[in-house]
Protein backbone atom coordinates (compact mmCIF):
# COMPACT_ATOMS: atom_id res chain seq x y z
CA MET A 1 6.86 -68.49 2.58
CA LEU A 2 5.89 -68.03 6.09
CA ILE A 3 4.35 -63.93 8.31
CA GLY A 4 7.59 -63.61 9.69
CA GLU A 5 8.91 -63.41 5.70
CA VAL A 6 6.03 -62.26 3.96
CA ALA A 7 5.70 -58.77 6.65
CA ARG A 8 9.93 -58.28 5.65
CA ARG A 9 9.52 -59.25 2.26
CA SER A 10 6.72 -56.75 1.66
CA GLY A 11 7.07 -54.63 4.17
CA VAL A 12 3.43 -54.88 5.06
CA SER A 13 3.16 -55.86 9.00
CA ALA A 14 2.54 -59.72 10.76
CA ARG A 15 -0.14 -57.77 12.42
CA MET A 16 -1.79 -55.36 9.39
CA LEU A 17 -1.35 -59.45 7.25
CA ARG A 18 -3.44 -61.05 10.03
CA HIS A 19 -5.57 -57.79 10.24
CA TYR A 20 -6.15 -58.85 5.81
CA GLU A 21 -7.09 -62.18 6.93
CA SER A 22 -9.94 -61.60 9.14
CA LEU A 23 -11.35 -59.42 6.75
CA GLY A 24 -10.90 -61.41 3.87
CA LEU A 25 -8.86 -60.08 2.09
CA VAL A 26 -5.88 -62.58 1.92
CA ARG A 27 -6.14 -65.94 2.98
CA PRO A 28 -3.45 -67.90 3.62
CA SER A 29 -3.11 -70.80 0.90
CA GLY A 30 -1.52 -73.54 2.94
CA ARG A 31 -0.22 -74.14 6.74
CA THR A 32 2.56 -76.03 7.57
CA GLY A 33 2.09 -79.22 9.70
CA SER A 34 3.36 -76.29 13.07
CA GLY A 35 -0.20 -74.67 11.48
CA TYR A 36 1.30 -71.54 10.31
CA ARG A 37 0.58 -69.72 8.04
CA GLU A 38 1.94 -70.24 4.19
CA TYR A 39 1.80 -68.65 1.85
CA SER A 40 2.31 -68.87 -2.29
CA ALA A 41 3.74 -66.76 -5.22
CA GLN A 42 0.28 -65.52 -5.57
CA ASP A 43 -0.79 -64.89 -1.92
CA ILE A 44 1.92 -62.44 -2.23
CA ARG A 45 1.37 -60.76 -5.55
CA ARG A 46 -2.18 -59.89 -4.04
CA ILE A 47 -0.33 -58.48 -1.18
CA PHE A 48 1.08 -56.04 -3.22
CA HIS A 49 -1.87 -55.24 -5.50
CA ILE A 50 -3.48 -54.02 -2.30
CA GLU A 51 -0.63 -52.04 -1.04
CA SER A 52 -1.10 -50.04 -4.41
CA LEU A 53 -4.98 -49.95 -4.40
CA ARG A 54 -4.42 -48.84 -0.89
CA SER A 55 -1.76 -46.03 -2.31
CA LEU A 56 -4.34 -44.34 -4.53
CA GLY A 57 -6.89 -44.05 -1.13
CA LEU A 58 -9.43 -47.14 -1.05
CA SER A 59 -10.51 -48.34 1.80
CA LEU A 60 -10.06 -51.95 1.82
CA ARG A 61 -13.79 -52.18 1.93
CA GLU A 62 -12.94 -50.96 -2.03
CA ILE A 63 -10.39 -52.88 -2.51
CA GLY A 64 -12.00 -56.22 -1.24
CA ARG A 65 -14.85 -55.45 -4.55
CA ALA A 66 -11.96 -54.12 -6.47
CA LEU A 67 -10.54 -57.94 -6.47
CA ASP A 68 -12.85 -60.08 -6.07
CA ASP A 69 -15.87 -58.61 -8.21
CA PRO A 70 -15.17 -59.97 -12.05
CA GLY A 71 -18.21 -56.99 -12.77
CA PHE A 72 -16.41 -53.68 -10.99
CA THR A 73 -15.23 -50.98 -13.23
CA PRO A 74 -12.56 -49.26 -11.80
CA SER A 75 -13.89 -45.75 -13.21
CA ALA A 76 -16.39 -44.58 -11.32
CA LEU A 77 -14.31 -45.36 -8.01
CA VAL A 78 -11.71 -43.77 -9.81
CA GLY A 79 -13.88 -40.51 -10.70
CA ASP A 80 -14.72 -40.15 -6.59
CA LEU A 81 -11.22 -40.77 -6.01
CA ILE A 82 -10.28 -37.52 -7.56
CA ARG A 83 -13.53 -35.06 -6.83
CA LYS A 84 -12.55 -36.31 -3.09
CA THR A 85 -8.33 -35.95 -3.18
CA ARG A 86 -9.63 -32.34 -5.07
CA ASP A 87 -11.73 -31.40 -2.27
CA ARG A 88 -8.88 -32.41 0.59
CA ILE A 89 -6.92 -30.47 -1.35
CA ALA A 90 -8.80 -27.10 -1.60
CA ALA A 91 -9.53 -27.59 1.89
CA GLU A 92 -5.42 -28.12 2.92
CA THR A 93 -4.39 -25.03 0.50
CA GLU A 94 -7.30 -22.83 2.60
CA LEU A 95 -5.80 -23.66 5.65
CA LEU A 96 -2.42 -23.33 5.08
CA THR A 97 -3.50 -19.66 2.82
CA ARG A 98 -5.11 -18.72 6.30
CA LEU A 99 -2.54 -20.07 8.36
CA ARG A 100 -0.01 -18.26 5.97
CA ARG A 101 -2.03 -15.26 7.12
CA ILE A 102 -2.54 -15.16 10.44
CA ASP A 103 1.48 -15.98 10.27
CA ALA A 104 2.32 -11.66 8.44
CA ALA A 105 0.06 -10.46 11.07
CA ASP A 106 3.38 -11.13 13.55
CA PRO A 107 0.89 -12.42 16.52
CA THR A 108 1.97 -12.14 19.57
CA ASP A 109 -0.22 -13.88 22.51
CA TRP A 110 -3.41 -16.38 21.25
CA GLU A 111 -5.86 -13.32 21.38
CA ASP A 112 -3.82 -11.94 18.99
CA VAL A 113 -4.28 -15.07 17.37
CA LEU A 114 -7.96 -15.82 17.27
CA GLN A 115 -8.16 -11.46 17.15
CA VAL A 116 -6.98 -12.18 13.42
CA VAL A 117 -9.05 -15.16 12.90
CA ALA A 118 -11.50 -13.14 13.36
CA LEU A 119 -11.28 -10.76 11.23
CA LEU A 120 -10.77 -13.26 7.80
CA GLN A 121 -13.50 -15.27 9.02
CA ALA A 122 -15.45 -11.20 8.40
CA LEU A 123 -13.60 -10.20 5.67
CA GLY A 124 -15.00 -13.82 4.19
CA SER A 125 -18.59 -13.57 5.95
CA GLN A 126 -22.22 -13.21 3.56
CA SER A 127 -22.84 -9.63 5.97
CA ALA A 128 -21.25 -7.21 4.08
CA ASP A 129 -21.66 -4.63 7.24
CA ALA A 130 -19.47 -7.30 8.86
CA ARG A 131 -16.99 -7.58 5.37
CA GLN A 132 -16.47 -3.56 6.10
CA ARG A 133 -16.75 -3.38 9.77
CA ALA A 134 -13.18 -5.70 9.21
CA ALA A 135 -11.90 -4.15 6.68
CA LEU A 136 -12.18 -0.61 8.23
CA SER A 137 -10.98 -2.38 12.32
CA SER A 138 -7.21 -1.12 10.50
CA ALA A 139 -8.22 2.63 11.53
CA ASP A 140 -8.75 1.13 15.11
CA GLY A 141 -5.32 -0.41 15.37
CA VAL A 142 -5.82 -4.13 14.84
CA PRO A 143 -3.49 -5.87 12.05
CA VAL A 144 -5.48 -6.82 8.96
CA PRO A 145 -3.37 -9.48 6.81
CA VAL A 146 -2.79 -7.06 3.71
CA GLU A 147 -2.92 -10.50 1.51
CA ALA A 148 -6.77 -10.80 2.84
CA LEU A 149 -7.34 -7.40 1.96
CA ALA A 150 -6.34 -8.23 -1.40
CA GLU A 151 -8.39 -10.77 -1.61
CA ALA A 152 -11.02 -9.12 -0.68
CA ALA A 153 -11.22 -6.79 -3.44
CA LEU A 154 -10.27 -8.40 -6.22
CA SER A 155 -14.13 -9.58 -5.44
CA GLU A 156 -15.43 -7.75 -3.53
CA THR A 157 -19.04 -6.32 -5.03
CA GLU A 158 -20.36 -4.28 -2.34
CA PRO A 159 -19.82 -0.33 -2.71
CA ASN A 160 -18.76 0.12 0.03
CA VAL A 161 -17.94 -2.76 1.62
CA ALA A 162 -15.27 -1.55 -2.18
CA GLY A 163 -14.47 1.54 -0.69
CA ALA A 164 -13.59 0.75 2.59
CA LEU A 165 -11.10 -2.53 1.14
CA ARG A 166 -9.28 0.19 -1.01
CA TRP A 167 -9.35 2.47 1.50
CA ALA A 168 -7.76 0.23 3.99
CA LEU A 169 -5.18 -1.25 1.11
CA ALA A 170 -3.49 2.00 0.49
CA GLN A 171 -2.46 2.86 4.69
CA SER A 172 -1.38 -1.47 4.46
CA GLY A 173 2.38 -0.50 3.03
CA ASP A 174 4.07 -1.19 -0.34
CA ARG A 175 2.82 -4.60 -1.23
CA GLY A 176 -0.18 -4.18 -2.28
CA PRO A 177 0.71 -3.23 -5.50
CA ALA A 178 2.18 -6.54 -6.12
CA LEU A 179 -0.75 -8.22 -4.46
CA LEU A 180 -3.40 -6.54 -6.72
CA ALA A 181 -1.53 -6.91 -10.06
CA LYS A 182 -2.30 -10.51 -9.54
CA GLY A 183 -5.98 -10.08 -10.55
CA LEU A 184 -4.78 -7.90 -13.94
CA GLY A 185 -4.34 -11.54 -14.98
CA SER A 186 -7.77 -12.17 -14.55
CA PRO A 187 -9.68 -14.06 -17.25
CA VAL A 188 -12.76 -12.26 -15.55
CA ALA A 189 -13.48 -8.00 -16.55
CA ALA A 190 -14.69 -7.16 -13.45
CA VAL A 191 -12.30 -8.86 -11.61
CA ARG A 192 -9.40 -6.78 -13.21
CA LYS A 193 -11.66 -3.56 -12.99
CA ARG A 194 -11.70 -4.00 -9.58
CA ALA A 195 -7.32 -4.84 -9.56
CA VAL A 196 -7.35 -1.20 -11.03
CA GLN A 197 -9.50 1.05 -9.04
CA SER A 198 -7.86 -1.05 -6.06
CA LEU A 199 -4.98 0.64 -7.69
CA ALA A 200 -6.03 3.47 -8.57
CA GLU A 201 -5.93 4.67 -4.49
CA MET A 202 -2.74 3.48 -3.87
CA PRO A 203 0.22 5.58 -3.33
CA GLY A 204 3.79 5.23 -5.14
CA GLY A 205 5.62 4.50 -8.89
CA GLU A 206 4.91 0.47 -8.91
CA ALA A 207 0.62 1.03 -8.45
CA THR A 208 1.63 3.37 -11.30
CA THR A 209 3.49 1.40 -13.93
CA HIS A 210 0.54 -1.88 -13.31
CA LEU A 211 -2.01 1.11 -13.98
CA TRP A 212 0.23 1.78 -17.07
CA ASN A 213 -0.25 -1.85 -18.49
CA ALA A 214 -3.33 -2.10 -17.85
CA LEU A 215 -4.39 0.83 -21.00
CA MET A 216 -3.28 -2.56 -23.27
CA ASP A 217 -6.16 -4.41 -21.61
CA PRO A 218 -8.93 -5.82 -24.09
CA ASP A 219 -11.65 -4.99 -22.19
CA VAL A 220 -12.39 -0.86 -22.76
CA GLY A 221 -14.32 0.16 -19.01
CA VAL A 222 -10.44 -0.96 -17.89
CA ARG A 223 -8.39 0.44 -20.33
CA GLY A 224 -10.59 3.45 -19.30
CA TYR A 225 -10.41 3.40 -15.33
CA ALA A 226 -6.79 2.88 -15.97
CA ALA A 227 -6.45 6.29 -18.26
CA LEU A 228 -8.68 7.98 -15.65
CA ALA A 229 -6.39 6.84 -12.53
CA LEU A 230 -3.29 7.67 -14.76
CA GLY A 231 -4.90 11.23 -15.98
CA THR A 232 -4.06 12.46 -12.42
CA ARG A 233 -0.33 10.80 -12.49
CA GLY A 234 0.42 13.77 -14.91
CA VAL A 235 0.84 10.19 -17.19
CA ALA A 236 0.61 10.97 -20.70
CA GLU A 237 0.04 7.92 -22.66
CA ALA A 238 -3.47 7.74 -21.14
CA VAL A 239 -4.42 10.87 -23.08
CA PRO A 240 -5.66 7.76 -25.89
CA THR A 241 -7.76 6.30 -24.01
CA LEU A 242 -9.66 9.69 -22.50
CA ILE A 243 -9.64 11.29 -25.75
CA ASP A 244 -11.47 7.56 -26.49
CA MET A 245 -13.69 7.88 -23.66
CA ILE A 246 -15.21 11.03 -24.32
CA VAL A 247 -15.81 9.80 -28.30
CA ALA A 248 -17.84 7.08 -26.21
CA GLY A 249 -19.84 9.23 -24.13
CA ARG A 250 -18.45 7.02 -21.29
CA ASN A 251 -17.44 8.72 -18.38
CA ASP A 252 -16.89 11.47 -20.99
CA THR A 253 -17.09 14.03 -17.93
CA ASP A 254 -14.47 13.11 -15.77
CA ALA A 255 -11.88 11.96 -18.85
CA ALA A 256 -11.83 15.61 -20.11
CA ASP A 257 -11.43 16.05 -16.27
CA ALA A 258 -8.41 14.35 -16.71
CA LEU A 259 -7.39 15.69 -19.71
CA SER A 260 -7.50 18.82 -18.69
CA SER A 261 -5.15 18.01 -15.17
CA LEU A 262 -2.80 16.96 -18.03
CA ALA A 263 -2.24 20.01 -20.00
CA SER A 264 -0.88 21.54 -17.11
CA ASP A 265 2.37 22.13 -19.59
CA THR A 266 1.63 23.01 -23.38
CA ALA A 267 3.41 20.79 -24.64
CA THR A 268 1.38 18.09 -23.81
CA ALA A 269 -1.55 20.90 -24.09
CA ASP A 270 -0.46 20.47 -27.78
CA HIS A 271 -0.36 17.04 -27.63
CA ILE A 272 -3.98 16.84 -26.41
CA ALA A 273 -6.09 19.60 -28.57
CA THR A 274 -4.04 17.73 -31.75
CA GLY A 275 -5.42 14.55 -30.86
CA ILE A 276 -8.73 16.09 -29.59
CA VAL A 277 -8.47 17.91 -34.01
CA ASP A 278 -7.63 14.35 -35.63
CA ARG A 279 -10.71 12.47 -33.77
CA LEU A 280 -13.30 16.21 -35.23
CA ALA A 281 -11.28 15.59 -38.70
CA HIS A 282 -12.73 11.46 -39.41
CA ASP A 283 -15.48 11.22 -41.42
CA THR A 284 -17.94 9.54 -38.73
CA THR A 285 -17.58 11.84 -36.33
CA GLU A 286 -21.78 12.25 -35.08
CA THR A 287 -22.90 15.91 -33.40
CA PRO A 288 -22.65 14.82 -30.06
CA VAL A 289 -19.21 13.19 -30.34
CA ARG A 290 -17.81 16.82 -31.85
CA GLY A 291 -20.24 18.59 -29.17
CA ARG A 292 -18.36 16.47 -26.38
CA LEU A 293 -14.88 17.02 -28.07
CA ALA A 294 -16.32 21.25 -27.67
CA GLN A 295 -15.68 20.97 -24.54
CA ALA A 296 -13.30 18.59 -23.32
CA LEU A 297 -11.19 21.85 -26.07
CA ALA A 298 -11.93 24.46 -22.71
CA GLY A 299 -10.14 22.75 -20.17
CA ILE A 300 -6.98 22.81 -22.76
CA PRO A 301 -4.68 25.75 -22.73
CA GLY A 302 -3.04 26.69 -26.28
CA ALA A 303 -3.92 28.10 -29.25
CA THR A 304 -4.36 24.59 -31.09
CA SER A 305 -7.71 24.02 -29.20
CA SER A 306 -8.08 28.22 -29.71
CA ARG A 307 -8.43 27.62 -33.17
CA ALA A 308 -10.32 24.08 -32.97
CA LEU A 309 -13.17 25.67 -30.85
CA VAL A 310 -13.21 28.41 -33.00
CA GLU A 311 -13.73 26.10 -36.56
CA LEU A 312 -16.83 24.57 -34.51
CA SER A 313 -17.71 27.62 -33.93
CA HIS A 314 -18.60 27.39 -37.32
CA ASP A 315 -19.80 23.85 -36.78
CA GLU A 316 -22.92 22.97 -38.98
CA ASP A 317 -25.15 21.84 -35.56
CA ARG A 318 -26.01 24.84 -33.90
CA ALA A 319 -25.95 23.12 -30.65
CA VAL A 320 -22.21 22.43 -31.21
CA ALA A 321 -21.37 26.18 -32.86
CA LEU A 322 -23.22 27.80 -29.58
CA THR A 323 -21.39 25.98 -27.96
CA ALA A 324 -17.60 26.18 -29.00
CA ALA A 325 -18.26 30.15 -28.96
CA TYR A 326 -20.00 30.53 -25.17
CA LEU A 327 -16.53 28.39 -24.86
CA LEU A 328 -14.13 30.78 -26.70
CA GLN A 329 -16.06 33.70 -25.01
CA LEU A 330 -15.09 32.06 -21.81
CA ARG A 331 -11.81 31.92 -22.55
CA ASP A 332 -11.52 35.31 -23.83
CA ALA A 333 -12.80 36.54 -20.88
CA ARG A 334 -9.98 34.71 -18.63
């Protein structure tokens, strides 16, 4: 078969076939009487093999080795191709993400584009000061893509920068909660905690819903941050977790303050007091726990909490009894 017919049937141009021949990849098995290249069925099969390997991303040099070296094993080469392809996909994905964020900022000219690019680079900087300045730049009217802010907030470990990012997200509009909620699905508890801390500063019902869902988190720290935020929002479902925090001595002062905020109506106050009394009745309640629960009762109005304090004023531990008696005196004075 002559080169023109081979090119037509294989889809490989005559020019490329000549290039393959110059590299020694495919050598026509014969020549016609007029000197034209003539390809055998085996030559054509080799051309299809070359094209198949090219489709995998192999270079022509690698293809030559694969086809001609009997001792060549493909596993190492294929593994290297997989790594290179993953790296390329990661780089392209990162570029696509950056372009989408620039587009979301709705730039009007190239100066705006360059400004957004500079902000994105600053958010990813190794310098905490640079990251903080980028987060706070929205205060100067500079549009910071909310997706970039959310991603940075979920990964930031420096407290001052994290605070600036949470502030910027709270000013960024209504897209923040949904973006932060993605962090609640992370397998890393620290990321989920940062998501809850950021959601706690976001206004609106959507953020509250995501915080409520975080009460089911397997990590006690994540549940605690969610409960504290929900307590300030008047969500009574946070009560059991807040009481657990007081019992465990984990952010117990903040938890007691949150319970006091929730106890603004009689029904909720009685619900909170009943929950504390139930924990006091538990056989394994230790002296420090009773002391913390007594102090929590101080902020809960109503007869149930008063009766509990009266009982605690006769506690076997003198410190607990004195604390409860003092709290009763303060309550009577009011």
